[in-house]
Structure formats: C-alpha cells, structure tokens
PDB file of all heavy atoms in Angstrom:
ATOM      1  N   ALA A   1      -2.166 -15.309   2.575  1.00  0.00           N
ATOM      2  CA  ALA A   1      -3.187 -14.296   2.614  1.00  0.00           C
ATOM      3  C   ALA A   1      -3.519 -13.964   1.255  1.00  0.00           C
ATOM      4  O   ALA A   1      -2.827 -13.865   0.375  1.00  0.00           O
ATOM      5  CB  ALA A   1      -2.626 -13.130   3.418  1.00  0.00           C
ATOM      6  N   SER A   2      -4.830 -13.299   1.173  1.00  0.00           N
ATOM      7  CA  SER A   2      -5.366 -12.716   0.011  1.00  0.00           C
ATOM      8  C   SER A   2      -5.788 -11.240   0.373  1.00  0.00           C
ATOM      9  O   SER A   2      -5.767 -10.870   1.420  1.00  0.00           O
ATOM     10  CB  SER A   2      -6.579 -13.497  -0.525  1.00  0.00           C
ATOM     11  OG  SER A   2      -7.730 -13.464   0.319  1.00  0.00           O
ATOM     12  N   GLY A   3      -6.207 -10.518  -0.735  1.00  0.00           N
ATOM     13  CA  GLY A   3      -6.843  -9.295  -0.488  1.00  0.00           C
ATOM     14  C   GLY A   3      -5.934  -8.106  -1.031  1.00  0.00           C
ATOM     15  O   GLY A   3      -5.129  -8.182  -1.867  1.00  0.00           O
ATOM     16  N   LEU A   4      -6.152  -6.966  -0.350  1.00  0.00           N
ATOM     17  CA  LEU A   4      -5.804  -5.623  -0.935  1.00  0.00           C
ATOM     18  C   LEU A   4      -4.328  -5.441  -0.936  1.00  0.00           C
ATOM     19  O   LEU A   4      -3.693  -5.535   0.315  1.00  0.00           O
ATOM     20  CB  LEU A   4      -6.461  -4.512  -0.135  1.00  0.00           C
ATOM     21  CG  LEU A   4      -6.067  -3.127  -0.592  1.00  0.00           C
ATOM     22  CD1 LEU A   4      -6.447  -2.919  -2.172  1.00  0.00           C
ATOM     23  CD2 LEU A   4      -6.978  -2.066   0.250  1.00  0.00           C
ATOM     24  N   LEU A   5      -3.652  -5.318  -2.104  1.00  0.00           N
ATOM     25  CA  LEU A   5      -2.217  -5.055  -2.089  1.00  0.00           C
ATOM     26  C   LEU A   5      -2.105  -3.916  -3.076  1.00  0.00           C
ATOM     27  O   LEU A   5      -1.989  -4.058  -4.290  1.00  0.00           O
ATOM     28  CB  LEU A   5      -1.423  -6.216  -2.720  1.00  0.00           C
ATOM     29  CG  LEU A   5       0.053  -6.024  -2.695  1.00  0.00           C
ATOM     30  CD1 LEU A   5       0.651  -6.061  -1.351  1.00  0.00           C
ATOM     31  CD2 LEU A   5       0.655  -7.254  -3.523  1.00  0.00           C
ATOM     32  N   PRO A   6      -2.080  -2.653  -2.626  1.00  0.00           N
ATOM     33  CA  PRO A   6      -1.910  -1.550  -3.537  1.00  0.00           C
ATOM     34  C   PRO A   6      -0.570  -1.595  -4.191  1.00  0.00           C
ATOM     35  O   PRO A   6       0.438  -1.703  -3.551  1.00  0.00           O
ATOM     36  CB  PRO A   6      -1.961  -0.298  -2.598  1.00  0.00           C
ATOM     37  CG  PRO A   6      -2.783  -0.731  -1.287  1.00  0.00           C
ATOM     38  CD  PRO A   6      -2.390  -2.195  -1.232  1.00  0.00           C
ATOM     39  N   ILE A   7      -0.545  -1.388  -5.530  1.00  0.00           N
ATOM     40  CA  ILE A   7       0.588  -1.473  -6.350  1.00  0.00           C
ATOM     41  C   ILE A   7       0.927   0.012  -6.899  1.00  0.00           C
ATOM     42  O   ILE A   7      -0.056   0.532  -7.494  1.00  0.00           O
ATOM     43  CB  ILE A   7       0.511  -2.389  -7.504  1.00  0.00           C
ATOM     44  CG1 ILE A   7       0.202  -3.764  -7.075  1.00  0.00           C
ATOM     45  CG2 ILE A   7       1.851  -2.371  -8.312  1.00  0.00           C
ATOM     46  CD1 ILE A   7       1.297  -4.504  -6.361  1.00  0.00           C
ATOM     47  N   CYS A   8       1.997   0.597  -6.589  1.00  0.00           N
ATOM     48  CA  CYS A   8       2.364   1.917  -6.953  1.00  0.00           C
ATOM     49  C   CYS A   8       3.259   1.791  -8.323  1.00  0.00           C
ATOM     50  O   CYS A   8       4.283   1.080  -8.164  1.00  0.00           O
ATOM     51  CB  CYS A   8       3.103   2.615  -5.877  1.00  0.00           C
ATOM     52  SG  CYS A   8       2.147   2.904  -4.411  1.00  0.00           S
ATOM     53  N   LEU A   9       2.849   2.568  -9.255  1.00  0.00           N
ATOM     54  CA  LEU A   9       3.548   2.541 -10.575  1.00  0.00           C
ATOM     55  C   LEU A   9       4.161   3.958 -10.783  1.00  0.00           C
ATOM     56  O   LEU A   9       3.476   4.915 -10.484  1.00  0.00           O
ATOM     57  CB  LEU A   9       2.622   2.154 -11.738  1.00  0.00           C
ATOM     58  CG  LEU A   9       1.908   0.768 -11.618  1.00  0.00           C
ATOM     59  CD1 LEU A   9       0.932   0.594 -12.765  1.00  0.00           C
ATOM     60  CD2 LEU A   9       2.943  -0.339 -11.650  1.00  0.00           C
ATOM     61  N   GLY A  10       5.403   3.998 -11.369  1.00  0.00           N
ATOM     62  CA  GLY A  10       6.024   5.188 -11.742  1.00  0.00           C
ATOM     63  C   GLY A  10       6.199   6.006 -10.565  1.00  0.00           C
ATOM     64  O   GLY A  10       6.831   5.672  -9.508  1.00  0.00           O
ATOM     65  N   GLU A  11       5.829   7.348 -10.616  1.00  0.00           N
ATOM     66  CA  GLU A  11       5.990   8.331  -9.502  1.00  0.00           C
ATOM     67  C   GLU A  11       5.233   8.054  -8.301  1.00  0.00           C
ATOM     68  O   GLU A  11       5.534   8.460  -7.177  1.00  0.00           O
ATOM     69  CB  GLU A  11       5.549   9.817  -9.959  1.00  0.00           C
ATOM     70  CG  GLU A  11       6.581  10.445 -10.908  1.00  0.00           C
ATOM     71  CD  GLU A  11       7.828  10.718 -10.267  1.00  0.00           C
ATOM     72  OE1 GLU A  11       7.918  11.798  -9.478  1.00  0.00           O
ATOM     73  OE2 GLU A  11       8.824  10.013 -10.491  1.00  0.00           O
ATOM     74  N   ALA A  12       4.315   7.169  -8.437  1.00  0.00           N
ATOM     75  CA  ALA A  12       3.518   6.701  -7.146  1.00  0.00           C
ATOM     76  C   ALA A  12       4.345   5.914  -6.146  1.00  0.00           C
ATOM     77  O   ALA A  12       3.976   5.956  -4.993  1.00  0.00           O
ATOM     78  CB  ALA A  12       2.244   5.880  -7.549  1.00  0.00           C
ATOM     79  N   THR A  13       5.524   5.424  -6.715  1.00  0.00           N
ATOM     80  CA  THR A  13       6.373   4.698  -5.694  1.00  0.00           C
ATOM     81  C   THR A  13       7.085   5.599  -4.705  1.00  0.00           C
ATOM     82  O   THR A  13       7.395   5.091  -3.669  1.00  0.00           O
ATOM     83  CB  THR A  13       7.515   3.917  -6.586  1.00  0.00           C
ATOM     84  OG1 THR A  13       8.299   4.999  -7.389  1.00  0.00           O
ATOM     85  CG2 THR A  13       7.037   2.967  -7.526  1.00  0.00           C
ATOM     86  N   LYS A  14       7.073   7.006  -5.060  1.00  0.00           N
ATOM     87  CA  LYS A  14       7.565   7.905  -4.032  1.00  0.00           C
ATOM     88  C   LYS A  14       6.612   7.989  -2.882  1.00  0.00           C
ATOM     89  O   LYS A  14       6.977   8.439  -1.830  1.00  0.00           O
ATOM     90  CB  LYS A  14       7.833   9.259  -4.683  1.00  0.00           C
ATOM     91  CG  LYS A  14       8.883   9.191  -5.677  1.00  0.00           C
ATOM     92  CD  LYS A  14       9.157  10.566  -6.304  1.00  0.00           C
ATOM     93  CE  LYS A  14      10.213  10.572  -7.204  1.00  0.00           C
ATOM     94  NZ  LYS A  14      10.409  11.966  -7.879  1.00  0.00           N
ATOM     95  N   LEU A  15       5.305   7.627  -3.073  1.00  0.00           N
ATOM     96  CA  LEU A  15       4.360   7.788  -1.945  1.00  0.00           C
ATOM     97  C   LEU A  15       4.088   6.409  -1.309  1.00  0.00           C
ATOM     98  O   LEU A  15       3.218   6.340  -0.330  1.00  0.00           O
ATOM     99  CB  LEU A  15       3.091   8.232  -2.667  1.00  0.00           C
ATOM    100  CG  LEU A  15       3.210   9.519  -3.475  1.00  0.00           C
ATOM    101  CD1 LEU A  15       1.902   9.947  -4.058  1.00  0.00           C
ATOM    102  CD2 LEU A  15       3.726  10.777  -2.524  1.00  0.00           C
ATOM    103  N   SER A  16       4.757   5.365  -1.661  1.00  0.00           N
ATOM    104  CA  SER A  16       4.435   3.982  -0.990  1.00  0.00           C
ATOM    105  C   SER A  16       4.760   4.031   0.392  1.00  0.00           C
ATOM    106  O   SER A  16       4.045   3.342   1.088  1.00  0.00           O
ATOM    107  CB  SER A  16       5.255   2.957  -1.791  1.00  0.00           C
ATOM    108  OG  SER A  16       6.667   3.163  -1.712  1.00  0.00           O
ATOM    109  N   GLY A  17       5.761   4.768   0.959  1.00  0.00           N
ATOM    110  CA  GLY A  17       6.034   4.775   2.392  1.00  0.00           C
ATOM    111  C   GLY A  17       4.904   5.315   3.223  1.00  0.00           C
ATOM    112  O   GLY A  17       4.752   4.894   4.306  1.00  0.00           O
ATOM    113  N   PHE A  18       4.093   6.201   2.652  1.00  0.00           N
ATOM    114  CA  PHE A  18       3.060   6.813   3.398  1.00  0.00           C
ATOM    115  C   PHE A  18       1.957   5.673   3.533  1.00  0.00           C
ATOM    116  O   PHE A  18       1.247   5.635   4.523  1.00  0.00           O
ATOM    117  CB  PHE A  18       2.319   7.987   2.732  1.00  0.00           C
ATOM    118  CG  PHE A  18       3.361   9.058   2.631  1.00  0.00           C
ATOM    119  CD1 PHE A  18       4.022   9.428   1.488  1.00  0.00           C
ATOM    120  CD2 PHE A  18       3.537   9.911   3.830  1.00  0.00           C
ATOM    121  CE1 PHE A  18       5.021  10.403   1.424  1.00  0.00           C
ATOM    122  CE2 PHE A  18       4.497  10.976   3.658  1.00  0.00           C
ATOM    123  CZ  PHE A  18       5.159  11.257   2.521  1.00  0.00           C
ATOM    124  N   LEU A  19       1.698   4.768   2.577  1.00  0.00           N
ATOM    125  CA  LEU A  19       0.806   3.598   2.705  1.00  0.00           C
ATOM    126  C   LEU A  19       1.435   2.548   3.618  1.00  0.00           C
ATOM    127  O   LEU A  19       0.613   1.858   4.353  1.00  0.00           O
ATOM    128  CB  LEU A  19       0.450   3.096   1.386  1.00  0.00           C
ATOM    129  CG  LEU A  19      -0.410   4.042   0.464  1.00  0.00           C
ATOM    130  CD1 LEU A  19      -0.539   3.482  -0.889  1.00  0.00           C
ATOM    131  CD2 LEU A  19      -1.768   4.291   1.034  1.00  0.00           C
ATOM    132  N   LEU A  20       2.687   2.318   3.571  1.00  0.00           N
ATOM    133  CA  LEU A  20       3.349   1.430   4.443  1.00  0.00           C
ATOM    134  C   LEU A  20       2.987   1.774   5.983  1.00  0.00           C
ATOM    135  O   LEU A  20       2.889   0.827   6.793  1.00  0.00           O
ATOM    136  CB  LEU A  20       4.888   1.383   4.187  1.00  0.00           C
ATOM    137  CG  LEU A  20       5.361   0.592   3.040  1.00  0.00           C
ATOM    138  CD1 LEU A  20       6.866   0.923   2.781  1.00  0.00           C
ATOM    139  CD2 LEU A  20       5.252  -0.949   3.339  1.00  0.00           C
ATOM    140  N   ALA A  21       3.045   3.086   6.191  1.00  0.00           N
ATOM    141  CA  ALA A  21       2.803   3.522   7.513  1.00  0.00           C
ATOM    142  C   ALA A  21       1.305   3.537   7.925  1.00  0.00           C
ATOM    143  O   ALA A  21       1.027   3.911   9.024  1.00  0.00           O
ATOM    144  CB  ALA A  21       3.474   4.916   7.804  1.00  0.00           C
ATOM    145  N   ALA A  22       0.393   3.279   6.994  1.00  0.00           N
ATOM    146  CA  ALA A  22      -0.986   3.459   7.203  1.00  0.00           C
ATOM    147  C   ALA A  22      -1.622   2.277   8.013  1.00  0.00           C
ATOM    148  O   ALA A  22      -1.029   1.119   8.103  1.00  0.00           O
ATOM    149  CB  ALA A  22      -1.789   3.553   5.968  1.00  0.00           C
ATOM    150  N   ASP A  23      -2.728   2.567   8.657  1.00  0.00           N
ATOM    151  CA  ASP A  23      -3.475   1.390   9.289  1.00  0.00           C
ATOM    152  C   ASP A  23      -3.975   0.437   8.349  1.00  0.00           C
ATOM    153  O   ASP A  23      -4.160   0.691   7.092  1.00  0.00           O
ATOM    154  CB  ASP A  23      -4.673   2.021  10.068  1.00  0.00           C
ATOM    155  CG  ASP A  23      -4.297   2.663  11.333  1.00  0.00           C
ATOM    156  OD1 ASP A  23      -3.149   2.800  11.669  1.00  0.00           O
ATOM    157  OD2 ASP A  23      -5.192   3.402  11.902  1.00  0.00           O
ATOM    158  N   LYS A  24      -4.214  -0.843   8.851  1.00  0.00           N
ATOM    159  CA  LYS A  24      -4.614  -1.912   7.911  1.00  0.00           C
ATOM    160  C   LYS A  24      -5.962  -2.513   8.552  1.00  0.00           C
ATOM    161  O   LYS A  24      -6.142  -2.374   9.814  1.00  0.00           O
ATOM    162  CB  LYS A  24      -3.579  -3.087   7.832  1.00  0.00           C
ATOM    163  CG  LYS A  24      -2.262  -2.445   7.435  1.00  0.00           C
ATOM    164  CD  LYS A  24      -2.055  -1.978   6.199  1.00  0.00           C
ATOM    165  CE  LYS A  24      -0.658  -1.632   5.690  1.00  0.00           C
ATOM    166  NZ  LYS A  24       0.180  -0.768   6.470  1.00  0.00           N
ATOM    167  N   ARG A  25      -6.642  -3.196   7.709  1.00  0.00           N
ATOM    168  CA  ARG A  25      -7.867  -3.946   8.208  1.00  0.00           C
ATOM    169  C   ARG A  25      -7.865  -5.311   7.693  1.00  0.00           C
ATOM    170  O   ARG A  25      -7.643  -5.474   6.425  1.00  0.00           O
ATOM    171  CB  ARG A  25      -9.205  -3.166   7.900  1.00  0.00           C
ATOM    172  CG  ARG A  25     -10.455  -3.893   8.547  1.00  0.00           C
ATOM    173  CD  ARG A  25     -11.716  -3.018   8.252  1.00  0.00           C
ATOM    174  NE  ARG A  25     -11.741  -1.754   8.925  1.00  0.00           N
ATOM    175  CZ  ARG A  25     -12.180  -1.541  10.155  1.00  0.00           C
ATOM    176  NH1 ARG A  25     -12.671  -2.658  10.807  1.00  0.00           N
ATOM    177  NH2 ARG A  25     -12.182  -0.308  10.630  1.00  0.00           N
ATOM    178  N   TYR A  26      -8.150  -6.428   8.481  1.00  0.00           N
ATOM    179  CA  TYR A  26      -8.046  -7.695   8.108  1.00  0.00           C
ATOM    180  C   TYR A  26      -9.248  -8.466   8.505  1.00  0.00           C
ATOM    181  O   TYR A  26      -9.864  -8.194   9.678  1.00  0.00           O
ATOM    182  CB  TYR A  26      -6.813  -8.466   8.672  1.00  0.00           C
ATOM    183  CG  TYR A  26      -5.521  -7.806   8.286  1.00  0.00           C
ATOM    184  CD1 TYR A  26      -4.949  -6.907   9.043  1.00  0.00           C
ATOM    185  CD2 TYR A  26      -4.851  -8.320   7.123  1.00  0.00           C
ATOM    186  CE1 TYR A  26      -3.731  -6.397   8.727  1.00  0.00           C
ATOM    187  CE2 TYR A  26      -3.585  -7.785   6.735  1.00  0.00           C
ATOM    188  CZ  TYR A  26      -3.020  -6.889   7.638  1.00  0.00           C
ATOM    189  OH  TYR A  26      -1.847  -6.331   7.166  1.00  0.00           O
ATOM    190  N   ARG A  27      -9.590  -9.517   7.798  1.00  0.00           N
ATOM    191  CA  ARG A  27     -10.503 -10.478   8.185  1.00  0.00           C
ATOM    192  C   ARG A  27      -9.836 -11.851   8.272  1.00  0.00           C
ATOM    193  O   ARG A  27      -9.098 -12.169   7.340  1.00  0.00           O
ATOM    194  CB  ARG A  27     -11.813 -10.663   7.349  1.00  0.00           C
ATOM    195  CG  ARG A  27     -12.934 -11.557   7.864  1.00  0.00           C
ATOM    196  CD  ARG A  27     -14.135 -11.431   7.176  1.00  0.00           C
ATOM    197  NE  ARG A  27     -14.760 -10.076   7.375  1.00  0.00           N
ATOM    198  CZ  ARG A  27     -15.698  -9.593   6.685  1.00  0.00           C
ATOM    199  NH1 ARG A  27     -16.276 -10.096   5.696  1.00  0.00           N
ATOM    200  NH2 ARG A  27     -16.143  -8.381   7.019  1.00  0.00           N
TER     201      ARG A  27
END
C-alpha cells in the first residue's frame, strides 16, 4: 500500500493512539 502515514515526533507520540482509533479512507 501507499498513501497517508501520519508520523508523530516527540510529544506527538502521546497522541498517536487517538489517530490509531480514527476512521480511515482508502482507494
């Protein structure tokens, strides 16, 4: 697969779980 892979750096890693739980869209 290709496409959107949000990368969290530093303190943003504490918020990655909220994006893991988010809806996704694919083609």
